[in-house]
Every structure is written in C-alpha cells, then in structure tokens.
C-alpha cells in the first residue's frame, strides 16, 4: 500500500513539473512577443523628422 502511494506521489510530482515547465515556456514566449511588438511599434511610429544636434538642422522625410 505504501509503495503504491509513493508511486502515485512521484507520478503527480512529475506531471506537476511538466506542467510548470510548459507554463514557464508559454509565459516566456508571451513576454518575448510583447517585447518584439513594442520594438516594431516604436520603429513604425517614429517621428518623420530627424534632427541632428551637432548641426542643429532638421530634415523632413529623410530617406
């Protein structure tokens, strides 16, 4: 009886560890996606005017 309880407990621990690992992986991927989206939005919505401090000149629509 005790051996069966130990096997059940070990099985539950292994299942919990797998679920924990999967959850941490999904959370990590979610954070990575949010960072990449933030970087993409900042590049997409950058101001079209670019000012150079040293020359103190502003150029519109610099390509």
PDB file of N, CA and C in Angstrom:
ATOM      1  N   UNK A   1       0.823  -1.198   0.000  1.00  0.00           N
ATOM      2  CA  UNK A   1       0.000   0.000   0.000  1.00  0.00           C
ATOM      3  C   UNK A   1       0.864   1.258   0.000  1.00  0.00           C
ATOM      4  N   UNK A   2       1.908   1.224   0.835  1.00  0.00           N
ATOM      5  CA  UNK A   2       2.792   2.397   0.896  1.00  0.00           C
ATOM      6  C   UNK A   2       3.542   2.598  -0.420  1.00  0.00           C
ATOM      7  N   UNK A   3       3.921   1.511  -1.056  1.00  0.00           N
ATOM      8  CA  UNK A   3       4.643   1.615  -2.324  1.00  0.00           C
ATOM      9  C   UNK A   3       3.746   2.243  -3.396  1.00  0.00           C
ATOM     10  N   UNK A   4       2.458   1.880  -3.381  1.00  0.00           N
ATOM     11  CA  UNK A   4       1.526   2.449  -4.332  1.00  0.00           C
ATOM     12  C   UNK A   4       1.363   3.941  -4.099  1.00  0.00           C
ATOM     13  N   UNK A   5       1.291   4.356  -2.849  1.00  0.00           N
ATOM     14  CA  UNK A   5       1.166   5.787  -2.527  1.00  0.00           C
ATOM     15  C   UNK A   5       2.399   6.563  -2.975  1.00  0.00           C
ATOM     16  N   UNK A   6       3.563   5.975  -2.801  1.00  0.00           N
ATOM     17  CA  UNK A   6       4.805   6.634  -3.218  1.00  0.00           C
ATOM     18  C   UNK A   6       4.846   6.769  -4.739  1.00  0.00           C
ATOM     19  N   UNK A   7       4.396   5.713  -5.462  1.00  0.00           N
ATOM     20  CA  UNK A   7       4.363   5.781  -6.927  1.00  0.00           C
ATOM     21  C   UNK A   7       3.391   6.861  -7.397  1.00  0.00           C
ATOM     22  N   UNK A   8       2.233   6.957  -6.767  1.00  0.00           N
ATOM     23  CA  UNK A   8       1.250   7.979  -7.132  1.00  0.00           C
ATOM     24  C   UNK A   8       1.813   9.371  -6.870  1.00  0.00           C
ATOM     25  N   UNK A   9       2.456   9.552  -5.738  1.00  0.00           N
ATOM     26  CA  UNK A   9       3.051  10.840  -5.400  1.00  0.00           C
ATOM     27  C   UNK A   9       4.145  11.220  -6.393  1.00  0.00           C
ATOM     28  N   UNK A  10       4.981  10.268  -6.749  1.00  0.00           N
ATOM     29  CA  UNK A  10       6.049  10.538  -7.721  1.00  0.00           C
ATOM     30  C   UNK A  10       5.462  10.895  -9.078  1.00  0.00           C
ATOM     31  N   UNK A  11       4.404  10.188  -9.466  1.00  0.00           N
ATOM     32  CA  UNK A  11       3.756  10.480 -10.743  1.00  0.00           C
ATOM     33  C   UNK A  11       3.159  11.882 -10.732  1.00  0.00           C
ATOM     34  N   UNK A  12       2.528  12.267  -9.648  1.00  0.00           N
ATOM     35  CA  UNK A  12       1.962  13.613  -9.543  1.00  0.00           C
ATOM     36  C   UNK A  12       3.045  14.684  -9.593  1.00  0.00           C
ATOM     37  N   UNK A  13       4.159  14.427  -8.962  1.00  0.00           N
ATOM     38  CA  UNK A  13       5.265  15.392  -8.968  1.00  0.00           C
ATOM     39  C   UNK A  13       5.822  15.561 -10.381  1.00  0.00           C
ATOM     40  N   UNK A  14       5.953  14.454 -11.108  1.00  0.00           N
ATOM     41  CA  UNK A  14       6.462  14.536 -12.471  1.00  0.00           C
ATOM     42  C   UNK A  14       5.494  15.298 -13.373  1.00  0.00           C
ATOM     43  N   UNK A  15       4.199  15.029 -13.203  1.00  0.00           N
ATOM     44  CA  UNK A  15       3.195  15.728 -14.003  1.00  0.00           C
ATOM     45  C   UNK A  15       3.211  17.220 -13.676  1.00  0.00           C
ATOM     46  N   UNK A  16       3.309  17.559 -12.402  1.00  0.00           N
ATOM     47  CA  UNK A  16       3.369  18.957 -11.993  1.00  0.00           C
ATOM     48  C   UNK A  16       4.589  19.656 -12.550  1.00  0.00           C
ATOM     49  N   UNK A  17       5.713  18.963 -12.562  1.00  0.00           N
ATOM     50  CA  UNK A  17       6.942  19.555 -13.092  1.00  0.00           C
ATOM     51  C   UNK A  17       6.813  19.807 -14.595  1.00  0.00           C
ATOM     52  N   UNK A  18       6.169  18.886 -15.320  1.00  0.00           N
ATOM     53  CA  UNK A  18       5.975  19.084 -16.760  1.00  0.00           C
ATOM     54  C   UNK A  18       5.045  20.264 -17.016  1.00  0.00           C
ATOM     55  N   UNK A  19       3.963  20.345 -16.251  1.00  0.00           N
ATOM     56  CA  UNK A  19       3.033  21.466 -16.411  1.00  0.00           C
ATOM     57  C   UNK A  19       3.702  22.791 -16.074  1.00  0.00           C
ATOM     58  N   UNK A  20       4.513  22.806 -15.024  1.00  0.00           N
ATOM     59  CA  UNK A  20       5.230  24.024 -14.632  1.00  0.00           C
ATOM     60  C   UNK A  20       6.186  24.459 -15.734  1.00  0.00           C
ATOM     61  N   UNK A  21       6.917  23.509 -16.299  1.00  0.00           N
ATOM     62  CA  UNK A  21       7.849  23.823 -17.373  1.00  0.00           C
ATOM     63  C   UNK A  21       7.129  24.374 -18.600  1.00  0.00           C
ATOM     64  N   UNK A  22       5.988  23.774 -18.937  1.00  0.00           N
ATOM     65  CA  UNK A  22       5.230  24.248 -20.082  1.00  0.00           C
ATOM     66  C   UNK A  22       4.681  25.651 -19.819  1.00  0.00           C
ATOM     67  N   UNK A  23       4.195  25.897 -18.617  1.00  0.00           N
ATOM     68  CA  UNK A  23       3.665  27.221 -18.277  1.00  0.00           C
ATOM     69  C   UNK A  23       4.768  28.280 -18.339  1.00  0.00           C
ATOM     70  N   UNK A  24       5.933  27.966 -17.823  1.00  0.00           N
ATOM     71  CA  UNK A  24       7.041  28.926 -17.859  1.00  0.00           C
ATOM     72  C   UNK A  24       7.466  29.209 -19.301  1.00  0.00           C
ATOM     73  N   UNK A  25       7.441  28.185 -20.139  1.00  0.00           N
ATOM     74  CA  UNK A  25       7.773  28.382 -21.552  1.00  0.00           C
ATOM     75  C   UNK A  25       6.770  29.301 -22.247  1.00  0.00           C
ATOM     76  N   UNK A  26       5.486  29.090 -21.962  1.00  0.00           N
ATOM     77  CA  UNK A  26       4.458  29.938 -22.568  1.00  0.00           C
ATOM     78  C   UNK A  26       4.548  31.375 -22.071  1.00  0.00           C
ATOM     79  N   UNK A  27       4.831  31.549 -20.793  1.00  0.00           N
ATOM     80  CA  UNK A  27       4.984  32.901 -20.248  1.00  0.00           C
ATOM     81  C   UNK A  27       6.186  33.586 -20.887  1.00  0.00           C
ATOM     82  N   UNK A  28       7.284  32.860 -21.032  1.00  0.00           N
ATOM     83  CA  UNK A  28       8.483  33.418 -21.670  1.00  0.00           C
ATOM     84  C   UNK A  28       8.220  33.817 -23.114  1.00  0.00           C
ATOM     85  N   UNK A  29       7.481  32.987 -23.844  1.00  0.00           N
ATOM     86  CA  UNK A  29       7.158  33.317 -25.229  1.00  0.00           C
ATOM     87  C   UNK A  29       6.247  34.542 -25.287  1.00  0.00           C
ATOM     88  N   UNK A  30       5.315  34.648 -24.367  1.00  0.00           N
ATOM     89  CA  UNK A  30       4.427  35.809 -24.330  1.00  0.00           C
ATOM     90  C   UNK A  30       5.188  37.096 -24.072  1.00  0.00           C
ATOM     91  N   UNK A  31       6.136  37.052 -23.148  1.00  0.00           N
ATOM     92  CA  UNK A  31       6.950  38.235 -22.854  1.00  0.00           C
ATOM     93  C   UNK A  31       7.794  38.615 -24.072  1.00  0.00           C
ATOM     94  N   UNK A  32       8.362  37.617 -24.731  1.00  0.00           N
ATOM     95  CA  UNK A  32       9.176  37.871 -25.926  1.00  0.00           C
ATOM     96  C   UNK A  32       8.337  38.505 -27.039  1.00  0.00           C
ATOM     97  N   UNK A  33       7.123  38.005 -27.233  1.00  0.00           N
ATOM     98  CA  UNK A  33       6.242  38.567 -28.266  1.00  0.00           C
ATOM     99  C   UNK A  33       5.899  40.014 -27.932  1.00  0.00           C
ATOM    100  N   UNK A  34       5.634  40.311 -26.669  1.00  0.00           N
ATOM    101  CA  UNK A  34       5.321  41.682 -26.282  1.00  0.00           C
ATOM    102  C   UNK A  34       6.503  42.616 -26.517  1.00  0.00           C
ATOM    103  N   UNK A  35       7.704  42.172 -26.216  1.00  0.00           N
ATOM    104  CA  UNK A  35       8.895  42.996 -26.437  1.00  0.00           C
ATOM    105  C   UNK A  35       9.095  43.245 -27.929  1.00  0.00           C
ATOM    106  N   UNK A  36       8.926  42.194 -28.737  1.00  0.00           N
ATOM    107  CA  UNK A  36       9.091  42.357 -30.184  1.00  0.00           C
ATOM    108  C   UNK A  36       8.035  43.286 -30.764  1.00  0.00           C
ATOM    109  N   UNK A  37       6.792  43.188 -30.302  1.00  0.00           N
ATOM    110  CA  UNK A  37       5.749  44.097 -30.772  1.00  0.00           C
ATOM    111  C   UNK A  37       6.045  45.540 -30.369  1.00  0.00           C
ATOM    112  N   UNK A  38       6.538  45.732 -29.161  1.00  0.00           N
ATOM    113  CA  UNK A  38       6.890  47.076 -28.704  1.00  0.00           C
ATOM    114  C   UNK A  38       7.994  47.666 -29.572  1.00  0.00           C
ATOM    115  N   UNK A  39       9.002  46.861 -29.891  1.00  0.00           N
ATOM    116  CA  UNK A  39      10.081  47.330 -30.759  1.00  0.00           C
ATOM    117  C   UNK A  39       9.549  47.669 -32.150  1.00  0.00           C
ATOM    118  N   UNK A  40       8.660  46.839 -32.678  1.00  0.00           N
ATOM    119  CA  UNK A  40       8.095  47.080 -34.007  1.00  0.00           C
ATOM    120  C   UNK A  40       7.255  48.352 -34.019  1.00  0.00           C
ATOM    121  N   UNK A  41       6.427  48.572 -32.981  1.00  0.00           N
ATOM    122  CA  UNK A  41       5.602  49.777 -32.931  1.00  0.00           C
ATOM    123  C   UNK A  41       6.452  51.038 -32.801  1.00  0.00           C
ATOM    124  N   UNK A  42       7.517  50.973 -32.023  1.00  0.00           N
ATOM    125  CA  UNK A  42       8.350  52.165 -31.880  1.00  0.00           C
ATOM    126  C   UNK A  42       9.048  52.498 -33.199  1.00  0.00           C
ATOM    127  N   UNK A  43       9.436  51.488 -33.969  1.00  0.00           N
ATOM    128  CA  UNK A  43      10.049  51.749 -35.269  1.00  0.00           C
ATOM    129  C   UNK A  43       9.013  52.243 -36.271  1.00  0.00           C
ATOM    130  N   UNK A  44       7.807  51.692 -36.226  1.00  0.00           N
ATOM    131  CA  UNK A  44       6.768  52.059 -37.195  1.00  0.00           C
ATOM    132  C   UNK A  44       6.243  53.462 -36.945  1.00  0.00           C
ATOM    133  N   UNK A  45       6.171  53.888 -35.690  1.00  0.00           N
ATOM    134  CA  UNK A  45       5.587  55.180 -35.365  1.00  0.00           C
ATOM    135  C   UNK A  45       6.631  56.225 -35.016  1.00  0.00           C
ATOM    136  N   UNK A  46       7.830  56.046 -35.534  1.00  0.00           N
ATOM    137  CA  UNK A  46       8.891  57.015 -35.278  1.00  0.00           C
ATOM    138  C   UNK A  46       8.562  58.328 -35.978  1.00  0.00           C
ATOM    139  N   UNK A  47       8.980  59.408 -35.399  1.00  0.00           N
ATOM    140  CA  UNK A  47       8.724  60.726 -35.979  1.00  0.00           C
ATOM    141  C   UNK A  47       9.407  60.841 -37.342  1.00  0.00           C
ATOM    142  N   UNK A  48       8.716  61.384 -38.349  1.00  0.00           N
ATOM    143  CA  UNK A  48       9.327  61.501 -39.675  1.00  0.00           C
ATOM    144  C   UNK A  48      10.434  62.557 -39.736  1.00  0.00           C
ATOM    145  N   UNK A  49      10.487  63.436 -38.733  1.00  0.00           N
ATOM    146  CA  UNK A  49      11.531  64.468 -38.721  1.00  0.00           C
ATOM    147  C   UNK A  49      12.705  63.964 -37.897  1.00  0.00           C
ATOM    148  N   UNK A  50      13.881  64.122 -38.450  1.00  0.00           N
ATOM    149  CA  UNK A  50      15.090  63.679 -37.764  1.00  0.00           C
ATOM    150  C   UNK A  50      15.982  64.895 -37.554  1.00  0.00           C
ATOM    151  N   UNK A  51      16.293  65.209 -36.326  1.00  0.00           N
ATOM    152  CA  UNK A  51      17.118  66.372 -36.022  1.00  0.00           C
ATOM    153  C   UNK A  51      18.517  65.921 -35.611  1.00  0.00           C
ATOM    154  N   UNK A  52      19.487  66.616 -36.115  1.00  0.00           N
ATOM    155  CA  UNK A  52      20.869  66.360 -35.742  1.00  0.00           C
ATOM    156  C   UNK A  52      21.282  67.451 -34.770  1.00  0.00           C
ATOM    157  N   UNK A  53      21.691  67.071 -33.575  1.00  0.00           N
ATOM    158  CA  UNK A  53      22.002  68.052 -32.543  1.00  0.00           C
ATOM    159  C   UNK A  53      23.263  68.861 -32.858  1.00  0.00           C
ATOM    160  N   UNK A  54      24.260  68.176 -33.399  1.00  0.00           N
ATOM    161  CA  UNK A  54      25.524  68.876 -33.647  1.00  0.00           C
ATOM    162  C   UNK A  54      25.350  69.968 -34.699  1.00  0.00           C
ATOM    163  N   UNK A  55      24.640  69.654 -35.777  1.00  0.00           N
ATOM    164  CA  UNK A  55      24.463  70.618 -36.858  1.00  0.00           C
ATOM    165  C   UNK A  55      23.244  71.510 -36.631  1.00  0.00           C
ATOM    166  N   UNK A  56      22.357  71.087 -35.708  1.00  0.00           N
ATOM    167  CA  UNK A  56      21.120  71.801 -35.408  1.00  0.00           C
ATOM    168  C   UNK A  56      20.285  72.009 -36.658  1.00  0.00           C
ATOM    169  N   UNK A  57      20.177  70.967 -37.443  1.00  0.00           N
ATOM    170  CA  UNK A  57      19.366  71.008 -38.646  1.00  0.00           C
ATOM    171  C   UNK A  57      18.323  69.903 -38.564  1.00  0.00           C
ATOM    172  N   UNK A  58      17.146  70.191 -39.090  1.00  0.00           N
ATOM    173  CA  UNK A  58      16.083  69.189 -39.156  1.00  0.00           C
ATOM    174  C   UNK A  58      15.746  68.925 -40.613  1.00  0.00           C
ATOM    175  N   UNK A  59      15.729  67.644 -40.964  1.00  0.00           N
ATOM    176  CA  UNK A  59      15.397  67.260 -42.336  1.00  0.00           C
ATOM    177  C   UNK A  59      14.079  66.518 -42.306  1.00  0.00           C
ATOM    178  N   UNK A  60      13.153  66.905 -43.186  1.00  0.00           N
ATOM    179  CA  UNK A  60      11.880  66.224 -43.269  1.00  0.00           C
ATOM    180  C   UNK A  60      11.975  65.055 -44.259  1.00  0.00           C
ATOM    181  N   UNK A  61      11.315  63.962 -43.869  1.00  0.00           N
ATOM    182  CA  UNK A  61      11.231  62.770 -44.707  1.00  0.00           C
ATOM    183  C   UNK A  61      12.592  62.318 -45.222  1.00  0.00           C
ATOM    184  N   UNK A  62      13.529  62.179 -44.324  1.00  0.00           N
ATOM    185  CA  UNK A  62      14.880  61.741 -44.706  1.00  0.00           C
ATOM    186  C   UNK A  62      14.821  60.260 -45.062  1.00  0.00           C
ATOM    187  N   UNK A  63      15.388  59.903 -46.205  1.00  0.00           N
ATOM    188  CA  UNK A  63      15.340  58.509 -46.644  1.00  0.00           C
ATOM    189  C   UNK A  63      16.729  57.949 -46.786  1.00  0.00           C
TER     190      UNK A  63
END
